[in-house]
Amino acid sequence: MPAFDITRLATILRDAAKAEILPRFRRLDDGMVRQKSEAIDLVTEADEAAERFIGAAVKQAWPQALFVGEESVAADPGLLDRLDAADFAIIVDPVDGTANFAAGLPLYATMASVVVKGETVAGIIYDPMGDDWVLAERGAGAFMRFPDGRSQRLKVATAPALAQMVGHVSITFMPGASKPLILQNLAKVRVAASYRVAGHDYRTFATGHCHFVAFNKLMPWDHLAGCLIAEEAGGYVARFDGSPYLPSHRDGGLIIATDKDNWALLRREIFTL
């Protein structure tokens, strides 16, 4: 793997947001938003322009890296197969929470992860509205970092009893047969919410403001950065079958909990697929 500087990649995400995303926020006309696979799956001019910006900067900084962006995969699905075999890859979601962005809601993120030989080694979630990053490198902890250089180490919350837990759950892609039961089971917790943006679900968990997060659809740009950050903040991450989550996984669901015991509790009491 060539020399990697997480601060440089974090800065690239910020520069892209300031150049291509923020100037378009609440300034999109109908021609700047398109539907992809369905009505809730959108792409905007900001997604595409930001990905081009980040891709060009990544190529200059790390020319050996395979660059995998959400929008580039939409155009060339074969990139995902190349990711599984890559020695060094950088995966990007230029605007995570595109539906929020298109609706003018100030809750979206720009994310990147670094994968080396099938293992996620770095992850960054940048909030363009708050102008700060949550980031992690494997084995080095998770941190909130600010543009003035300040840094704060992150630690997940201590979970209360199940009835008092707060969780973020994306039910959109849960198996249809299981969805009614999962929704019923969520009555067992205090709060079950969805921001419709994985980046902020992970940020909220890693900063200690919720106790669990769950998803079913596993596209790498949505989860690699967040899962590494969650683990480095002290959380426990596994797919529904209990197996570790890897960059090659596209399904199997995810539960992110404060520790292994609470993961098992949530799997048993809530996510009874």
Protein backbone atom coordinates (compact mmCIF):
# COMPACT_ATOMS: atom_id res chain seq x y z
CA MET A 1 0.00 0.00 0.00
CA PRO A 2 1.37 3.47 -0.84
CA ALA A 3 1.75 6.02 1.93
CA PHE A 4 -1.69 7.12 3.07
CA ASP A 5 -2.56 10.35 4.88
CA ILE A 6 -6.10 10.35 6.29
CA THR A 7 -5.95 14.13 6.80
CA ARG A 8 -5.34 14.63 3.11
CA LEU A 9 -8.36 12.53 2.19
CA ALA A 10 -10.49 14.31 4.78
CA THR A 11 -9.48 17.65 3.28
CA ILE A 12 -10.38 16.43 -0.22
CA LEU A 13 -13.90 15.61 0.98
CA ARG A 14 -14.26 19.05 2.55
CA ASP A 15 -12.96 20.80 -0.56
CA ALA A 16 -15.40 18.87 -2.74
CA ALA A 17 -18.31 19.77 -0.49
CA LYS A 18 -17.44 23.45 -0.53
CA ALA A 19 -16.89 23.53 -4.29
CA GLU A 20 -19.68 21.28 -5.56
CA ILE A 21 -22.22 20.38 -2.86
CA LEU A 22 -22.91 23.39 -0.64
CA PRO A 23 -23.35 25.83 -3.56
CA ARG A 24 -26.16 23.58 -4.87
CA PHE A 25 -27.92 23.01 -1.53
CA ARG A 26 -31.51 24.30 -1.80
CA ARG A 27 -30.66 25.53 -5.29
CA LEU A 28 -31.57 22.43 -7.32
CA ASP A 29 -34.07 22.82 -10.12
CA ASP A 30 -35.95 19.88 -11.66
CA GLY A 31 -33.23 19.25 -14.23
CA MET A 32 -30.61 18.73 -11.51
CA VAL A 33 -32.35 15.76 -9.84
CA ARG A 34 -32.96 12.35 -11.44
CA GLN A 35 -34.52 9.11 -10.28
CA LYS A 36 -32.35 5.99 -10.49
CA SER A 37 -33.86 2.62 -9.56
CA GLU A 38 -37.00 3.96 -7.82
CA ALA A 39 -38.62 7.12 -6.50
CA ILE A 40 -36.61 7.09 -3.26
CA ASP A 41 -33.31 6.46 -5.12
CA LEU A 42 -32.14 9.82 -6.41
CA VAL A 43 -29.03 11.34 -7.89
CA THR A 44 -28.37 15.06 -8.20
CA GLU A 45 -25.96 17.23 -10.07
CA ALA A 46 -24.15 17.72 -6.74
CA ASP A 47 -23.54 13.95 -6.33
CA GLU A 48 -22.00 13.68 -9.78
CA ALA A 49 -19.93 16.87 -9.65
CA ALA A 50 -18.59 16.08 -6.16
CA GLU A 51 -17.62 12.55 -7.18
CA ARG A 52 -15.72 13.88 -10.19
CA PHE A 53 -13.93 16.37 -7.94
CA ILE A 54 -12.99 13.73 -5.37
CA GLY A 55 -11.99 11.22 -8.03
CA ALA A 56 -9.61 13.67 -9.69
CA ALA A 57 -8.03 14.63 -6.35
CA VAL A 58 -7.66 10.98 -5.29
CA LYS A 59 -6.00 10.11 -8.61
CA GLN A 60 -3.49 12.89 -8.07
CA ALA A 61 -2.77 11.93 -4.45
CA TRP A 62 -2.85 8.14 -4.80
CA PRO A 63 -2.60 7.19 -8.49
CA GLN A 64 -2.32 3.48 -7.60
CA ALA A 65 -5.70 3.42 -5.85
CA LEU A 66 -8.81 1.92 -7.37
CA PHE A 67 -11.41 4.66 -7.04
CA VAL A 68 -14.94 3.40 -6.40
CA GLY A 69 -17.73 5.96 -6.18
CA GLU A 70 -21.45 5.33 -5.81
CA GLU A 71 -22.21 7.14 -9.06
CA SER A 72 -19.34 5.52 -10.99
CA VAL A 73 -20.64 2.08 -9.94
CA ALA A 74 -24.08 3.07 -11.21
CA ALA A 75 -22.44 3.60 -14.60
CA ASP A 76 -20.09 0.56 -14.35
CA PRO A 77 -21.28 -2.16 -11.93
CA GLY A 78 -18.13 -4.14 -12.65
CA LEU A 79 -16.23 -1.79 -10.36
CA LEU A 80 -17.60 -3.73 -7.39
CA ASP A 81 -15.92 -6.92 -8.61
CA ARG A 82 -12.66 -5.02 -9.01
CA LEU A 83 -13.01 -3.70 -5.46
CA ASP A 84 -13.15 -7.26 -4.10
CA ALA A 85 -9.79 -8.02 -5.72
CA ALA A 86 -8.07 -4.66 -5.21
CA ASP A 87 -4.83 -4.25 -3.28
CA PHE A 88 -5.68 -0.62 -2.45
CA ALA A 89 -9.01 1.11 -3.00
CA ILE A 90 -10.75 4.31 -1.96
CA ILE A 91 -14.53 4.13 -1.82
CA VAL A 92 -16.63 7.30 -1.83
CA ASP A 93 -20.22 8.36 -1.32
CA PRO A 94 -20.21 11.99 -2.48
CA VAL A 95 -23.65 12.83 -1.03
CA ASP A 96 -24.93 10.27 1.44
CA GLY A 97 -28.57 11.11 2.09
CA THR A 98 -29.32 12.39 -1.40
CA ALA A 99 -33.08 12.36 -0.75
CA ASN A 100 -32.55 14.67 2.23
CA PHE A 101 -30.24 16.90 0.19
CA ALA A 102 -32.74 17.10 -2.69
CA ALA A 103 -35.53 17.95 -0.22
CA GLY A 104 -33.49 20.79 1.27
CA LEU A 105 -32.98 19.01 4.59
CA PRO A 106 -29.61 19.85 6.19
CA LEU A 107 -28.78 16.24 7.07
CA TYR A 108 -26.43 14.62 4.59
CA ALA A 109 -22.78 13.61 4.53
CA THR A 110 -19.74 13.00 2.33
CA MET A 111 -18.00 9.70 3.11
CA ALA A 112 -14.88 7.81 2.15
CA SER A 113 -13.22 4.59 3.20
CA VAL A 114 -9.91 2.92 2.40
CA VAL A 115 -9.70 -0.81 1.74
CA VAL A 116 -6.42 -2.72 1.57
CA LYS A 117 -6.52 -6.34 0.40
CA GLY A 118 -10.11 -6.84 1.54
CA GLU A 119 -9.86 -5.03 4.88
CA THR A 120 -11.19 -1.58 5.73
CA VAL A 121 -8.29 0.39 7.22
CA ALA A 122 -9.66 3.95 7.32
CA GLY A 123 -13.00 5.71 7.25
CA ILE A 124 -14.20 9.32 7.14
CA ILE A 125 -17.66 10.85 7.48
CA TYR A 126 -17.68 14.59 6.76
CA ASP A 127 -20.69 16.77 7.61
CA PRO A 128 -20.76 19.71 5.17
CA MET A 129 -23.31 21.57 7.29
CA GLY A 130 -21.38 21.26 10.57
CA ASP A 131 -17.98 21.43 8.84
CA ASP A 132 -16.41 18.61 10.85
CA TRP A 133 -15.31 15.02 10.41
CA VAL A 134 -15.75 11.77 12.28
CA LEU A 135 -12.91 9.49 11.25
CA ALA A 136 -10.90 6.43 12.19
CA GLU A 137 -7.89 4.38 11.21
CA ARG A 138 -7.83 0.71 12.17
CA GLY A 139 -6.26 0.21 15.58
CA ALA A 140 -5.94 3.93 16.29
CA GLY A 141 -9.37 4.87 17.69
CA ALA A 142 -12.16 7.08 16.35
CA PHE A 143 -12.15 10.87 16.54
CA MET A 144 -14.21 13.97 15.89
CA ARG A 145 -11.95 16.43 14.10
CA PHE A 146 -12.49 20.13 13.42
CA PRO A 147 -10.97 22.41 10.74
CA ASP A 148 -8.99 24.35 13.37
CA GLY A 149 -7.09 21.16 14.25
CA ARG A 150 -8.97 20.27 17.43
CA SER A 151 -9.65 16.58 17.90
CA GLN A 152 -11.85 14.66 20.34
CA ARG A 153 -11.65 10.90 20.88
CA LEU A 154 -14.98 9.10 20.52
CA LYS A 155 -16.51 6.39 22.68
CA VAL A 156 -19.86 4.69 22.31
CA ALA A 157 -22.47 5.04 25.04
CA THR A 158 -23.10 2.53 27.79
CA ALA A 159 -26.38 0.94 26.80
CA PRO A 160 -29.34 1.02 29.21
CA ALA A 161 -31.98 -1.69 29.48
CA LEU A 162 -33.68 -2.57 26.19
CA ALA A 163 -36.80 -0.54 27.04
CA GLN A 164 -34.69 2.62 27.31
CA MET A 165 -32.53 2.12 24.24
CA VAL A 166 -32.44 4.62 21.39
CA GLY A 167 -31.72 3.19 17.97
CA HIS A 168 -31.54 4.17 14.31
CA VAL A 169 -33.09 1.54 12.05
CA SER A 170 -33.38 1.58 8.28
CA ILE A 171 -36.33 -0.66 7.49
CA THR A 172 -36.50 0.24 3.79
CA PHE A 173 -34.69 -2.87 2.57
CA MET A 174 -35.59 -5.28 5.36
CA PRO A 175 -37.10 -8.54 4.03
CA GLY A 176 -40.77 -7.95 3.33
CA ALA A 177 -41.92 -10.97 5.30
CA SER A 178 -39.95 -9.86 8.36
CA LYS A 179 -40.70 -6.15 8.26
CA PRO A 180 -44.04 -6.25 10.15
CA LEU A 181 -42.49 -8.24 12.99
CA ILE A 182 -39.44 -5.98 13.20
CA LEU A 183 -41.69 -2.91 13.34
CA GLN A 184 -43.72 -4.55 16.09
CA ASN A 185 -40.56 -5.50 18.00
CA LEU A 186 -39.27 -1.94 17.86
CA ALA A 187 -42.00 -1.05 20.34
CA LYS A 188 -39.72 -2.71 22.91
CA VAL A 189 -37.20 0.16 22.71
CA ARG A 190 -37.59 3.79 23.77
CA VAL A 191 -36.89 5.40 20.39
CA ALA A 192 -36.47 3.90 16.92
CA ALA A 193 -35.65 6.52 14.31
CA SER A 194 -34.20 6.83 10.82
CA TYR A 195 -32.35 9.86 9.47
CA ARG A 196 -32.38 8.36 5.94
CA VAL A 197 -28.64 8.96 5.87
CA ALA A 198 -26.28 6.24 7.07
CA GLY A 199 -23.45 8.69 7.68
CA HIS A 200 -25.35 10.49 10.42
CA ASP A 201 -26.67 7.24 11.88
CA TYR A 202 -23.06 6.15 12.35
CA ARG A 203 -21.94 9.55 13.63
CA THR A 204 -24.73 9.57 16.21
CA PHE A 205 -23.75 6.09 17.39
CA ALA A 206 -20.00 6.73 17.54
CA THR A 207 -20.47 9.97 19.47
CA GLY A 208 -22.53 8.18 22.14
CA HIS A 209 -25.97 9.58 21.31
CA CYS A 210 -27.72 6.33 20.43
CA HIS A 211 -27.30 2.69 21.39
CA PHE A 212 -27.71 0.72 18.18
CA VAL A 213 -27.98 1.02 14.42
CA ALA A 214 -29.31 -1.53 11.92
CA PHE A 215 -29.43 -1.89 8.14
CA ASN A 216 -30.12 -4.61 5.61
CA LYS A 217 -28.76 -3.41 2.26
CA LEU A 218 -24.95 -3.33 2.34
CA MET A 219 -23.41 -1.19 -0.36
CA PRO A 220 -19.77 -0.48 0.52
CA TRP A 221 -19.93 3.31 0.24
CA ASP A 222 -22.76 3.38 2.80
CA HIS A 223 -21.19 1.24 5.53
CA LEU A 224 -17.44 0.65 5.35
CA ALA A 225 -16.45 3.97 6.90
CA GLY A 226 -19.21 3.92 9.51
CA CYS A 227 -18.58 0.36 10.65
CA LEU A 228 -14.86 0.97 11.14
CA ILE A 229 -15.59 4.18 13.06
CA ALA A 230 -18.16 2.36 15.21
CA GLU A 231 -15.68 -0.40 16.04
CA GLU A 232 -12.86 2.01 16.79
CA ALA A 233 -15.21 3.91 19.13
CA GLY A 234 -15.74 0.67 21.06
CA GLY A 235 -18.85 -0.71 19.39
CA TYR A 236 -19.60 -4.23 18.17
CA VAL A 237 -20.47 -4.83 14.50
CA ALA A 238 -21.73 -8.02 12.87
CA ARG A 239 -24.11 -9.18 10.18
CA PHE A 240 -27.44 -10.73 11.19
CA ASP A 241 -25.89 -14.20 11.19
CA GLY A 242 -23.16 -13.05 13.59
CA SER A 243 -20.37 -13.04 11.00
CA PRO A 244 -17.95 -10.11 10.60
CA TYR A 245 -18.81 -7.48 8.00
CA LEU A 246 -16.35 -7.35 5.09
CA PRO A 247 -16.00 -5.01 2.09
CA SER A 248 -17.08 -7.85 -0.21
CA HIS A 249 -20.49 -8.24 1.48
CA ARG A 250 -23.53 -6.82 -0.31
CA ASP A 251 -26.24 -8.41 1.83
CA GLY A 252 -26.77 -10.17 5.14
CA GLY A 253 -27.76 -7.09 7.12
CA LEU A 254 -25.94 -5.31 9.92
CA ILE A 255 -26.49 -4.67 13.60
CA ILE A 256 -24.16 -2.19 15.27
CA ALA A 257 -24.39 -2.27 19.06
CA THR A 258 -22.46 -0.94 22.05
CA ASP A 259 -21.07 -4.40 22.89
CA LYS A 260 -21.43 -8.07 21.97
CA ASP A 261 -23.99 -8.84 24.68
CA ASN A 262 -26.31 -6.05 23.58
CA TRP A 263 -25.81 -7.10 19.96
CA ALA A 264 -27.13 -10.56 20.91
CA LEU A 265 -30.03 -9.02 22.85
CA LEU A 266 -31.06 -6.86 19.92
CA ARG A 267 -30.75 -9.74 17.47
CA ARG A 268 -32.97 -11.92 19.66
CA GLU A 269 -35.58 -9.37 20.73
CA ILE A 270 -35.84 -7.02 17.74
CA PHE A 271 -34.33 -8.37 14.55
CA THR A 272 -36.09 -11.74 14.42
CA LEU A 273 -35.81 -12.34 10.69
